[in-house]
Every structure is written in structure tokens, then in C-alpha cells.
Amino acid sequence: MREPSEIPSMAELRAEIDALDLRLVALLAERARFIDRAAQLKPGEGMPARITARVEEVVANAKAAAEARGLDPALVEAIWRMMVEWSIAREEAVLGKGEAD
């Protein structure tokens, strides 16, 4: 993948963005498979779908990574909270509702 400053036209820039979007979707699908595995493992370890401390740890890690890369941490926090809530709902479909702190 080229640096944005190296791309001479909008058509090429859009093609690079489209390719990046495909990679992001592939990574999200991979993450979902890991969430599915968590839903399989958690019952054996006595863990509920929602673990508040872990939610906050995941969000904090994402915000720190964003900040280190010059990306708006508030944007990343909003995206990650949505993604984490979706993940918890996916786990709750298997495990039922419950929370641990």
C-alpha cells in the first residue's frame, strides 16, 4: 500500500481506500470468529458475556493506539464501544445475559 501523498489521482486514491476497506472488513470478520470462540470458552471458566473491567480495558487500549498514531481517540472510542457492544450481544445470544465486574 502506498502513502497517500504518493497517489496522483482520485481514481487511484479511491481504489486504495476500497482495498483498505476490504482489509478492515476481513479483520472484523476475523475478530468475530474470536468472539465466537470466547462464547465457547467462557462457560467453562464461569465467565459471563459482559465483563465491565475488560470492556474498559479494550476501549482504553484502542484509544491509546489511536492517540499514538495521530487518530482521534474519541472517534476510536465510539467505534470500539459499538463493536464491543455488538460482540457482547453476540456472546449473550449463546451464554445469556449476565455481568461480572
PDB file of N, CA and C in Angstrom:
ATOM      1  N   MET A   1       0.843  -1.172   0.000  1.00  0.00           N
ATOM      2  CA  MET A   1       0.000   0.000   0.000  1.00  0.00           C
ATOM      3  C   MET A   1       0.894   1.243   0.000  1.00  0.00           C
ATOM      4  N   ARG A   2       0.534   2.160  -0.848  1.00  0.00           N
ATOM      5  CA  ARG A   2       1.318   3.394  -0.971  1.00  0.00           C
ATOM      6  C   ARG A   2       0.897   4.427   0.064  1.00  0.00           C
ATOM      7  N   GLU A   3       1.772   5.372   0.272  1.00  0.00           N
ATOM      8  CA  GLU A   3       1.450   6.521   1.106  1.00  0.00           C
ATOM      9  C   GLU A   3       0.443   7.389   0.356  1.00  0.00           C
ATOM     10  N   PRO A   4      -0.520   7.985   1.059  1.00  0.00           N
ATOM     11  CA  PRO A   4      -1.498   8.838   0.376  1.00  0.00           C
ATOM     12  C   PRO A   4      -0.862   9.943  -0.460  1.00  0.00           C
ATOM     13  N   SER A   5       0.244  10.502   0.014  1.00  0.00           N
ATOM     14  CA  SER A   5       0.895  11.598  -0.718  1.00  0.00           C
ATOM     15  C   SER A   5       1.497  11.139  -2.045  1.00  0.00           C
ATOM     16  N   GLU A   6       1.667   9.834  -2.223  1.00  0.00           N
ATOM     17  CA  GLU A   6       2.236   9.288  -3.457  1.00  0.00           C
ATOM     18  C   GLU A   6       1.179   9.018  -4.527  1.00  0.00           C
ATOM     19  N   ILE A   7      -0.087   9.184  -4.193  1.00  0.00           N
ATOM     20  CA  ILE A   7      -1.158   8.828  -5.110  1.00  0.00           C
ATOM     21  C   ILE A   7      -1.548  10.057  -5.919  1.00  0.00           C
ATOM     22  N   PRO A   8      -1.445   9.971  -7.259  1.00  0.00           N
ATOM     23  CA  PRO A   8      -1.608  11.151  -8.096  1.00  0.00           C
ATOM     24  C   PRO A   8      -3.045  11.500  -8.500  1.00  0.00           C
ATOM     25  N   SER A   9      -4.013  10.573  -8.325  1.00  0.00           N
ATOM     26  CA  SER A   9      -5.367  10.874  -8.819  1.00  0.00           C
ATOM     27  C   SER A   9      -6.422  10.365  -7.843  1.00  0.00           C
ATOM     28  N   MET A  10      -7.615  10.939  -7.947  1.00  0.00           N
ATOM     29  CA  MET A  10      -8.728  10.499  -7.117  1.00  0.00           C
ATOM     30  C   MET A  10      -9.109   9.058  -7.428  1.00  0.00           C
ATOM     31  N   ALA A  11      -9.053   8.661  -8.686  1.00  0.00           N
ATOM     32  CA  ALA A  11      -9.409   7.285  -9.042  1.00  0.00           C
ATOM     33  C   ALA A  11      -8.493   6.286  -8.324  1.00  0.00           C
ATOM     34  N   GLU A  12      -7.201   6.568  -8.330  1.00  0.00           N
ATOM     35  CA  GLU A  12      -6.253   5.682  -7.648  1.00  0.00           C
ATOM     36  C   GLU A  12      -6.425   5.742  -6.132  1.00  0.00           C
ATOM     37  N   LEU A  13      -6.699   6.940  -5.624  1.00  0.00           N
ATOM     38  CA  LEU A  13      -6.915   7.093  -4.186  1.00  0.00           C
ATOM     39  C   LEU A  13      -8.134   6.291  -3.746  1.00  0.00           C
ATOM     40  N   ARG A  14      -9.204   6.378  -4.515  1.00  0.00           N
ATOM     41  CA  ARG A  14     -10.414   5.616  -4.194  1.00  0.00           C
ATOM     42  C   ARG A  14     -10.152   4.112  -4.244  1.00  0.00           C
ATOM     43  N   ALA A  15      -9.372   3.676  -5.196  1.00  0.00           N
ATOM     44  CA  ALA A  15      -9.041   2.246  -5.284  1.00  0.00           C
ATOM     45  C   ALA A  15      -8.270   1.799  -4.047  1.00  0.00           C
ATOM     46  N   GLU A  16      -7.363   2.621  -3.563  1.00  0.00           N
ATOM     47  CA  GLU A  16      -6.604   2.296  -2.348  1.00  0.00           C
ATOM     48  C   GLU A  16      -7.534   2.254  -1.132  1.00  0.00           C
ATOM     49  N   ILE A  17      -8.460   3.213  -1.042  1.00  0.00           N
ATOM     50  CA  ILE A  17      -9.416   3.237   0.068  1.00  0.00           C
ATOM     51  C   ILE A  17     -10.303   1.997   0.020  1.00  0.00           C
ATOM     52  N   ASP A  18     -10.777   1.640  -1.182  1.00  0.00           N
ATOM     53  CA  ASP A  18     -11.613   0.445  -1.329  1.00  0.00           C
ATOM     54  C   ASP A  18     -10.854  -0.811  -0.886  1.00  0.00           C
ATOM     55  N   ALA A  19      -9.588  -0.908  -1.250  1.00  0.00           N
ATOM     56  CA  ALA A  19      -8.772  -2.059  -0.847  1.00  0.00           C
ATOM     57  C   ALA A  19      -8.593  -2.086   0.673  1.00  0.00           C
ATOM     58  N   LEU A  20      -8.382  -0.931   1.245  1.00  0.00           N
ATOM     59  CA  LEU A  20      -8.245  -0.832   2.701  1.00  0.00           C
ATOM     60  C   LEU A  20      -9.548  -1.233   3.388  1.00  0.00           C
ATOM     61  N   ASP A  21     -10.674  -0.794   2.847  1.00  0.00           N
ATOM     62  CA  ASP A  21     -11.969  -1.179   3.414  1.00  0.00           C
ATOM     63  C   ASP A  21     -12.151  -2.698   3.411  1.00  0.00           C
ATOM     64  N   LEU A  22     -11.742  -3.353   2.337  1.00  0.00           N
ATOM     65  CA  LEU A  22     -11.840  -4.815   2.275  1.00  0.00           C
ATOM     66  C   LEU A  22     -10.987  -5.466   3.366  1.00  0.00           C
ATOM     67  N   ARG A  23      -9.808  -4.916   3.599  1.00  0.00           N
ATOM     68  CA  ARG A  23      -8.941  -5.450   4.655  1.00  0.00           C
ATOM     69  C   ARG A  23      -9.567  -5.244   6.034  1.00  0.00           C
ATOM     70  N   LEU A  24     -10.182  -4.071   6.243  1.00  0.00           N
ATOM     71  CA  LEU A  24     -10.838  -3.811   7.525  1.00  0.00           C
ATOM     72  C   LEU A  24     -11.993  -4.781   7.765  1.00  0.00           C
ATOM     73  N   VAL A  25     -12.790  -5.036   6.733  1.00  0.00           N
ATOM     74  CA  VAL A  25     -13.901  -5.982   6.864  1.00  0.00           C
ATOM     75  C   VAL A  25     -13.368  -7.381   7.173  1.00  0.00           C
ATOM     76  N   ALA A  26     -12.295  -7.780   6.513  1.00  0.00           N
ATOM     77  CA  ALA A  26     -11.700  -9.089   6.781  1.00  0.00           C
ATOM     78  C   ALA A  26     -11.228  -9.177   8.233  1.00  0.00           C
ATOM     79  N   LEU A  27     -10.647  -8.110   8.750  1.00  0.00           N
ATOM     80  CA  LEU A  27     -10.201  -8.102  10.148  1.00  0.00           C
ATOM     81  C   LEU A  27     -11.383  -8.151  11.110  1.00  0.00           C
ATOM     82  N   LEU A  28     -12.465  -7.452  10.784  1.00  0.00           N
ATOM     83  CA  LEU A  28     -13.653  -7.506  11.633  1.00  0.00           C
ATOM     84  C   LEU A  28     -14.258  -8.909  11.641  1.00  0.00           C
ATOM     85  N   ALA A  29     -14.267  -9.563  10.493  1.00  0.00           N
ATOM     86  CA  ALA A  29     -14.775 -10.935  10.422  1.00  0.00           C
ATOM     87  C   ALA A  29     -13.893 -11.873  11.244  1.00  0.00           C
ATOM     88  N   GLU A  30     -12.596 -11.655  11.191  1.00  0.00           N
ATOM     89  CA  GLU A  30     -11.678 -12.461  11.999  1.00  0.00           C
ATOM     90  C   GLU A  30     -11.931 -12.227  13.483  1.00  0.00           C
ATOM     91  N   ARG A  31     -12.137 -10.973  13.867  1.00  0.00           N
ATOM     92  CA  ARG A  31     -12.429 -10.648  15.272  1.00  0.00           C
ATOM     93  C   ARG A  31     -13.715 -11.342  15.713  1.00  0.00           C
ATOM     94  N   ALA A  32     -14.720 -11.376  14.856  1.00  0.00           N
ATOM     95  CA  ALA A  32     -15.991 -12.025  15.186  1.00  0.00           C
ATOM     96  C   ALA A  32     -15.778 -13.517  15.448  1.00  0.00           C
ATOM     97  N   ARG A  33     -14.888 -14.136  14.709  1.00  0.00           N
ATOM     98  CA  ARG A  33     -14.596 -15.557  14.950  1.00  0.00           C
ATOM     99  C   ARG A  33     -13.953 -15.750  16.325  1.00  0.00           C
ATOM    100  N   PHE A  34     -13.138 -14.815  16.745  1.00  0.00           N
ATOM    101  CA  PHE A  34     -12.547 -14.882  18.079  1.00  0.00           C
ATOM    102  C   PHE A  34     -13.618 -14.678  19.151  1.00  0.00           C
ATOM    103  N   ILE A  35     -14.568 -13.797  18.889  1.00  0.00           N
ATOM    104  CA  ILE A  35     -15.678 -13.592  19.820  1.00  0.00           C
ATOM    105  C   ILE A  35     -16.486 -14.877  19.953  1.00  0.00           C
ATOM    106  N   ASP A  36     -16.731 -15.540  18.822  1.00  0.00           N
ATOM    107  CA  ASP A  36     -17.460 -16.811  18.872  1.00  0.00           C
ATOM    108  C   ASP A  36     -16.717 -17.842  19.719  1.00  0.00           C
ATOM    109  N   ARG A  37     -15.409 -17.858  19.613  1.00  0.00           N
ATOM    110  CA  ARG A  37     -14.619 -18.791  20.427  1.00  0.00           C
ATOM    111  C   ARG A  37     -14.698 -18.408  21.905  1.00  0.00           C
ATOM    112  N   ALA A  38     -14.699 -17.119  22.198  1.00  0.00           N
ATOM    113  CA  ALA A  38     -14.844 -16.676  23.589  1.00  0.00           C
ATOM    114  C   ALA A  38     -16.165 -17.172  24.164  1.00  0.00           C
ATOM    115  N   ALA A  39     -17.218 -17.129  23.368  1.00  0.00           N
ATOM    116  CA  ALA A  39     -18.526 -17.604  23.827  1.00  0.00           C
ATOM    117  C   ALA A  39     -18.502 -19.106  24.118  1.00  0.00           C
ATOM    118  N   GLN A  40     -17.633 -19.829  23.448  1.00  0.00           N
ATOM    119  CA  GLN A  40     -17.479 -21.261  23.721  1.00  0.00           C
ATOM    120  C   GLN A  40     -16.669 -21.511  24.997  1.00  0.00           C
ATOM    121  N   LEU A  41     -15.658 -20.680  25.230  1.00  0.00           N
ATOM    122  CA  LEU A  41     -14.751 -20.888  26.361  1.00  0.00           C
ATOM    123  C   LEU A  41     -15.271 -20.338  27.686  1.00  0.00           C
ATOM    124  N   LYS A  42     -15.999 -19.241  27.640  1.00  0.00           N
ATOM    125  CA  LYS A  42     -16.410 -18.566  28.877  1.00  0.00           C
ATOM    126  C   LYS A  42     -17.217 -19.445  29.832  1.00  0.00           C
ATOM    127  N   PRO A  43     -18.160 -20.259  29.372  1.00  0.00           N
ATOM    128  CA  PRO A  43     -18.910 -21.074  30.336  1.00  0.00           C
ATOM    129  C   PRO A  43     -18.015 -21.985  31.169  1.00  0.00           C
ATOM    130  N   GLY A  44     -17.017 -22.580  30.552  1.00  0.00           N
ATOM    131  CA  GLY A  44     -16.098 -23.463  31.260  1.00  0.00           C
ATOM    132  C   GLY A  44     -15.255 -22.740  32.288  1.00  0.00           C
ATOM    133  N   GLU A  45     -15.119 -21.436  32.118  1.00  0.00           N
ATOM    134  CA  GLU A  45     -14.345 -20.636  33.059  1.00  0.00           C
ATOM    135  C   GLU A  45     -15.245 -19.805  33.974  1.00  0.00           C
ATOM    136  N   GLY A  46     -16.567 -20.061  33.863  1.00  0.00           N
ATOM    137  CA  GLY A  46     -17.513 -19.353  34.724  1.00  0.00           C
ATOM    138  C   GLY A  46     -17.603 -17.868  34.444  1.00  0.00           C
ATOM    139  N   MET A  47     -17.437 -17.491  33.208  1.00  0.00           N
ATOM    140  CA  MET A  47     -17.423 -16.079  32.849  1.00  0.00           C
ATOM    141  C   MET A  47     -18.686 -15.708  32.074  1.00  0.00           C
ATOM    142  N   PRO A  48     -19.257 -14.527  32.363  1.00  0.00           N
ATOM    143  CA  PRO A  48     -20.390 -14.045  31.590  1.00  0.00           C
ATOM    144  C   PRO A  48     -19.922 -13.355  30.312  1.00  0.00           C
ATOM    145  N   ALA A  49     -20.875 -13.005  29.471  1.00  0.00           N
ATOM    146  CA  ALA A  49     -20.524 -12.289  28.240  1.00  0.00           C
ATOM    147  C   ALA A  49     -19.928 -10.919  28.557  1.00  0.00           C
ATOM    148  N   ARG A  50     -20.567 -10.190  29.454  1.00  0.00           N
ATOM    149  CA  ARG A  50     -20.113  -8.827  29.778  1.00  0.00           C
ATOM    150  C   ARG A  50     -19.237  -8.846  31.019  1.00  0.00           C
ATOM    151  N   ILE A  51     -18.014  -8.370  30.850  1.00  0.00           N
ATOM    152  CA  ILE A  51     -17.091  -8.172  31.963  1.00  0.00           C
ATOM    153  C   ILE A  51     -16.646  -6.716  31.861  1.00  0.00           C
ATOM    154  N   THR A  52     -17.242  -5.887  32.698  1.00  0.00           N
ATOM    155  CA  THR A  52     -17.078  -4.436  32.585  1.00  0.00           C
ATOM    156  C   THR A  52     -15.616  -4.007  32.580  1.00  0.00           C
ATOM    157  N   ALA A  53     -14.819  -4.571  33.450  1.00  0.00           N
ATOM    158  CA  ALA A  53     -13.401  -4.190  33.503  1.00  0.00           C
ATOM    159  C   ALA A  53     -12.713  -4.494  32.179  1.00  0.00           C
ATOM    160  N   ARG A  54     -13.063  -5.619  31.573  1.00  0.00           N
ATOM    161  CA  ARG A  54     -12.455  -5.984  30.276  1.00  0.00           C
ATOM    162  C   ARG A  54     -12.914  -5.041  29.173  1.00  0.00           C
ATOM    163  N   VAL A  55     -14.187  -4.662  29.192  1.00  0.00           N
ATOM    164  CA  VAL A  55     -14.695  -3.695  28.211  1.00  0.00           C
ATOM    165  C   VAL A  55     -13.868  -2.416  28.280  1.00  0.00           C
ATOM    166  N   GLU A  56     -13.678  -1.913  29.490  1.00  0.00           N
ATOM    167  CA  GLU A  56     -12.936  -0.662  29.654  1.00  0.00           C
ATOM    168  C   GLU A  56     -11.478  -0.821  29.255  1.00  0.00           C
ATOM    169  N   GLU A  57     -10.900  -1.976  29.520  1.00  0.00           N
ATOM    170  CA  GLU A  57      -9.516  -2.236  29.118  1.00  0.00           C
ATOM    171  C   GLU A  57      -9.383  -2.235  27.586  1.00  0.00           C
ATOM    172  N   VAL A  58     -10.307  -2.891  26.904  1.00  0.00           N
ATOM    173  CA  VAL A  58     -10.274  -2.957  25.437  1.00  0.00           C
ATOM    174  C   VAL A  58     -10.407  -1.553  24.849  1.00  0.00           C
ATOM    175  N   VAL A  59     -11.345  -0.769  25.374  1.00  0.00           N
ATOM    176  CA  VAL A  59     -11.550   0.599  24.868  1.00  0.00           C
ATOM    177  C   VAL A  59     -10.321   1.462  25.141  1.00  0.00           C
ATOM    178  N   ALA A  60      -9.772   1.359  26.335  1.00  0.00           N
ATOM    179  CA  ALA A  60      -8.581   2.153  26.679  1.00  0.00           C
ATOM    180  C   ALA A  60      -7.403   1.792  25.779  1.00  0.00           C
ATOM    181  N   ASN A  61      -7.226   0.503  25.505  1.00  0.00           N
ATOM    182  CA  ASN A  61      -6.138   0.073  24.611  1.00  0.00           C
ATOM    183  C   ASN A  61      -6.310   0.648  23.215  1.00  0.00           C
ATOM    184  N   ALA A  62      -7.536   0.628  22.711  1.00  0.00           N
ATOM    185  CA  ALA A  62      -7.798   1.152  21.373  1.00  0.00           C
ATOM    186  C   ALA A  62      -7.558   2.662  21.322  1.00  0.00           C
ATOM    187  N   LYS A  63      -8.009   3.369  22.360  1.00  0.00           N
ATOM    188  CA  LYS A  63      -7.804   4.825  22.402  1.00  0.00           C
ATOM    189  C   LYS A  63      -6.318   5.162  22.454  1.00  0.00           C
ATOM    190  N   ALA A  64      -5.548   4.426  23.244  1.00  0.00           N
ATOM    191  CA  ALA A  64      -4.110   4.675  23.328  1.00  0.00           C
ATOM    192  C   ALA A  64      -3.434   4.410  21.989  1.00  0.00           C
ATOM    193  N   ALA A  65      -3.846   3.339  21.310  1.00  0.00           N
ATOM    194  CA  ALA A  65      -3.280   3.030  19.991  1.00  0.00           C
ATOM    195  C   ALA A  65      -3.620   4.123  18.991  1.00  0.00           C
ATOM    196  N   ALA A  66      -4.833   4.629  19.069  1.00  0.00           N
ATOM    197  CA  ALA A  66      -5.245   5.712  18.170  1.00  0.00           C
ATOM    198  C   ALA A  66      -4.408   6.960  18.418  1.00  0.00           C
ATOM    199  N   GLU A  67      -4.292   7.322  19.671  1.00  0.00           N
ATOM    200  CA  GLU A  67      -3.530   8.516  20.023  1.00  0.00           C
ATOM    201  C   GLU A  67      -2.079   8.399  19.559  1.00  0.00           C
ATOM    202  N   ALA A  68      -1.489   7.225  19.718  1.00  0.00           N
ATOM    203  CA  ALA A  68      -0.102   7.009  19.309  1.00  0.00           C
ATOM    204  C   ALA A  68       0.076   7.147  17.798  1.00  0.00           C
ATOM    205  N   ARG A  69      -1.017   6.957  17.049  1.00  0.00           N
ATOM    206  CA  ARG A  69      -0.949   7.032  15.589  1.00  0.00           C
ATOM    207  C   ARG A  69      -1.548   8.318  15.030  1.00  0.00           C
ATOM    208  N   GLY A  70      -1.876   9.257  15.917  1.00  0.00           N
ATOM    209  CA  GLY A  70      -2.400  10.544  15.466  1.00  0.00           C
ATOM    210  C   GLY A  70      -3.848  10.490  15.012  1.00  0.00           C
ATOM    211  N   LEU A  71      -4.596   9.498  15.493  1.00  0.00           N
ATOM    212  CA  LEU A  71      -6.003   9.369  15.151  1.00  0.00           C
ATOM    213  C   LEU A  71      -6.830   9.829  16.346  1.00  0.00           C
ATOM    214  N   ASP A  72      -7.963  10.438  16.085  1.00  0.00           N
ATOM    215  CA  ASP A  72      -8.824  10.974  17.132  1.00  0.00           C
ATOM    216  C   ASP A  72      -9.276   9.860  18.079  1.00  0.00           C
ATOM    217  N   PRO A  73      -8.831   9.883  19.351  1.00  0.00           N
ATOM    218  CA  PRO A  73      -9.211   8.828  20.278  1.00  0.00           C
ATOM    219  C   PRO A  73     -10.712   8.803  20.572  1.00  0.00           C
ATOM    220  N   ALA A  74     -11.389   9.938  20.484  1.00  0.00           N
ATOM    221  CA  ALA A  74     -12.838   9.958  20.711  1.00  0.00           C
ATOM    222  C   ALA A  74     -13.568   9.178  19.618  1.00  0.00           C
ATOM    223  N   LEU A  75     -13.105   9.316  18.391  1.00  0.00           N
ATOM    224  CA  LEU A  75     -13.682   8.555  17.283  1.00  0.00           C
ATOM    225  C   LEU A  75     -13.475   7.057  17.510  1.00  0.00           C
ATOM    226  N   VAL A  76     -12.262   6.683  17.857  1.00  0.00           N
ATOM    227  CA  VAL A  76     -11.943   5.272  18.088  1.00  0.00           C
ATOM    228  C   VAL A  76     -12.743   4.731  19.271  1.00  0.00           C
ATOM    229  N   GLU A  77     -12.884   5.522  20.312  1.00  0.00           N
ATOM    230  CA  GLU A  77     -13.688   5.073  21.451  1.00  0.00           C
ATOM    231  C   GLU A  77     -15.126   4.778  21.020  1.00  0.00           C
ATOM    232  N   ALA A  78     -15.721   5.669  20.235  1.00  0.00           N
ATOM    233  CA  ALA A  78     -17.100   5.459  19.776  1.00  0.00           C
ATOM    234  C   ALA A  78     -17.211   4.192  18.930  1.00  0.00           C
ATOM    235  N   ILE A  79     -16.282   3.994  18.023  1.00  0.00           N
ATOM    236  CA  ILE A  79     -16.295   2.803  17.170  1.00  0.00           C
ATOM    237  C   ILE A  79     -16.113   1.550  18.015  1.00  0.00           C
ATOM    238  N   TRP A  80     -15.150   1.581  18.934  1.00  0.00           N
ATOM    239  CA  TRP A  80     -14.857   0.391  19.739  1.00  0.00           C
ATOM    240  C   TRP A  80     -16.003   0.063  20.682  1.00  0.00           C
ATOM    241  N   ARG A  81     -16.618   1.073  21.262  1.00  0.00           N
ATOM    242  CA  ARG A  81     -17.756   0.788  22.145  1.00  0.00           C
ATOM    243  C   ARG A  81     -18.886   0.115  21.366  1.00  0.00           C
ATOM    244  N   MET A  82     -19.136   0.586  20.152  1.00  0.00           N
ATOM    245  CA  MET A  82     -20.164  -0.040  19.321  1.00  0.00           C
ATOM    246  C   MET A  82     -19.775  -1.483  18.996  1.00  0.00           C
ATOM    247  N   MET A  83     -18.527  -1.687  18.627  1.00  0.00           N
ATOM    248  CA  MET A  83     -18.056  -3.026  18.272  1.00  0.00           C
ATOM    249  C   MET A  83     -18.105  -3.964  19.483  1.00  0.00           C
ATOM    250  N   VAL A  84     -17.706  -3.480  20.636  1.00  0.00           N
ATOM    251  CA  VAL A  84     -17.721  -4.298  21.843  1.00  0.00           C
ATOM    252  C   VAL A  84     -19.154  -4.645  22.237  1.00  0.00           C
ATOM    253  N   GLU A  85     -20.059  -3.688  22.160  1.00  0.00           N
ATOM    254  CA  GLU A  85     -21.460  -3.975  22.484  1.00  0.00           C
ATOM    255  C   GLU A  85     -22.037  -5.013  21.526  1.00  0.00           C
ATOM    256  N   TRP A  86     -21.700  -4.915  20.251  1.00  0.00           N
ATOM    257  CA  TRP A  86     -22.134  -5.919  19.277  1.00  0.00           C
ATOM    258  C   TRP A  86     -21.567  -7.288  19.654  1.00  0.00           C
ATOM    259  N   SER A  87     -20.306  -7.309  20.054  1.00  0.00           N
ATOM    260  CA  SER A  87     -19.649  -8.560  20.434  1.00  0.00           C
ATOM    261  C   SER A  87     -20.308  -9.175  21.666  1.00  0.00           C
ATOM    262  N   ILE A  88     -20.623  -8.344  22.649  1.00  0.00           N
ATOM    263  CA  ILE A  88     -21.275  -8.839  23.859  1.00  0.00           C
ATOM    264  C   ILE A  88     -22.649  -9.408  23.509  1.00  0.00           C
ATOM    265  N   ALA A  89     -23.394  -8.721  22.673  1.00  0.00           N
ATOM    266  CA  ALA A  89     -24.710  -9.220  22.257  1.00  0.00           C
ATOM    267  C   ALA A  89     -24.566 -10.566  21.551  1.00  0.00           C
ATOM    268  N   ARG A  90     -23.531 -10.706  20.759  1.00  0.00           N
ATOM    269  CA  ARG A  90     -23.275 -11.975  20.058  1.00  0.00           C
ATOM    270  C   ARG A  90     -22.995 -13.090  21.060  1.00  0.00           C
ATOM    271  N   GLU A  91     -22.193 -12.782  22.089  1.00  0.00           N
ATOM    272  CA  GLU A  91     -21.911 -13.766  23.137  1.00  0.00           C
ATOM    273  C   GLU A  91     -23.158 -14.061  23.960  1.00  0.00           C
ATOM    274  N   GLU A  92     -23.939 -13.032  24.293  1.00  0.00           N
ATOM    275  CA  GLU A  92     -25.139 -13.227  25.093  1.00  0.00           C
ATOM    276  C   GLU A  92     -26.162 -14.111  24.382  1.00  0.00           C
ATOM    277  N   ALA A  93     -26.143 -14.114  23.073  1.00  0.00           N
ATOM    278  CA  ALA A  93     -27.051 -14.989  22.328  1.00  0.00           C
ATOM    279  C   ALA A  93     -26.754 -16.461  22.648  1.00  0.00           C
ATOM    280  N   VAL A  94     -25.510 -16.743  23.009  1.00  0.00           N
ATOM    281  CA  VAL A  94     -25.093 -18.103  23.364  1.00  0.00           C
ATOM    282  C   VAL A  94     -25.157 -18.310  24.883  1.00  0.00           C
ATOM    283  N   LEU A  95     -24.658 -17.344  25.630  1.00  0.00           N
ATOM    284  CA  LEU A  95     -24.473 -17.506  27.071  1.00  0.00           C
ATOM    285  C   LEU A  95     -25.645 -17.013  27.928  1.00  0.00           C
ATOM    286  N   GLY A  96     -26.471 -16.164  27.373  1.00  0.00           N
ATOM    287  CA  GLY A  96     -27.478 -15.486  28.169  1.00  0.00           C
ATOM    288  C   GLY A  96     -26.891 -14.214  28.760  1.00  0.00           C
ATOM    289  N   LYS A  97     -27.752 -13.410  29.352  1.00  0.00           N
ATOM    290  CA  LYS A  97     -27.303 -12.147  29.931  1.00  0.00           C
ATOM    291  C   LYS A  97     -26.745 -12.364  31.326  1.00  0.00           C
ATOM    292  N   GLY A  98     -25.845 -11.510  31.681  1.00  0.00           N
ATOM    293  CA  GLY A  98     -25.208 -11.554  32.991  1.00  0.00           C
ATOM    294  C   GLY A  98     -24.010 -10.643  32.947  1.00  0.00           C
ATOM    295  N   GLU A  99     -23.539 -10.228  34.098  1.00  0.00           N
ATOM    296  CA  GLU A  99     -22.415  -9.304  34.132  1.00  0.00           C
ATOM    297  C   GLU A  99     -21.503  -9.630  35.298  1.00  0.00           C
ATOM    298  N   ALA A 100     -20.241  -9.404  35.078  1.00  0.00           N
ATOM    299  CA  ALA A 100     -19.239  -9.509  36.147  1.00  0.00           C
ATOM    300  C   ALA A 100     -18.468  -8.213  36.185  1.00  0.00           C
ATOM    301  N   ASP A 101     -18.095  -7.802  37.362  1.00  0.00           N
ATOM    302  CA  ASP A 101     -17.288  -6.578  37.473  1.00  0.00           C
ATOM    303  C   ASP A 101     -15.885  -6.854  37.860  1.00  0.00           C
TER     304      ASP A 101
END
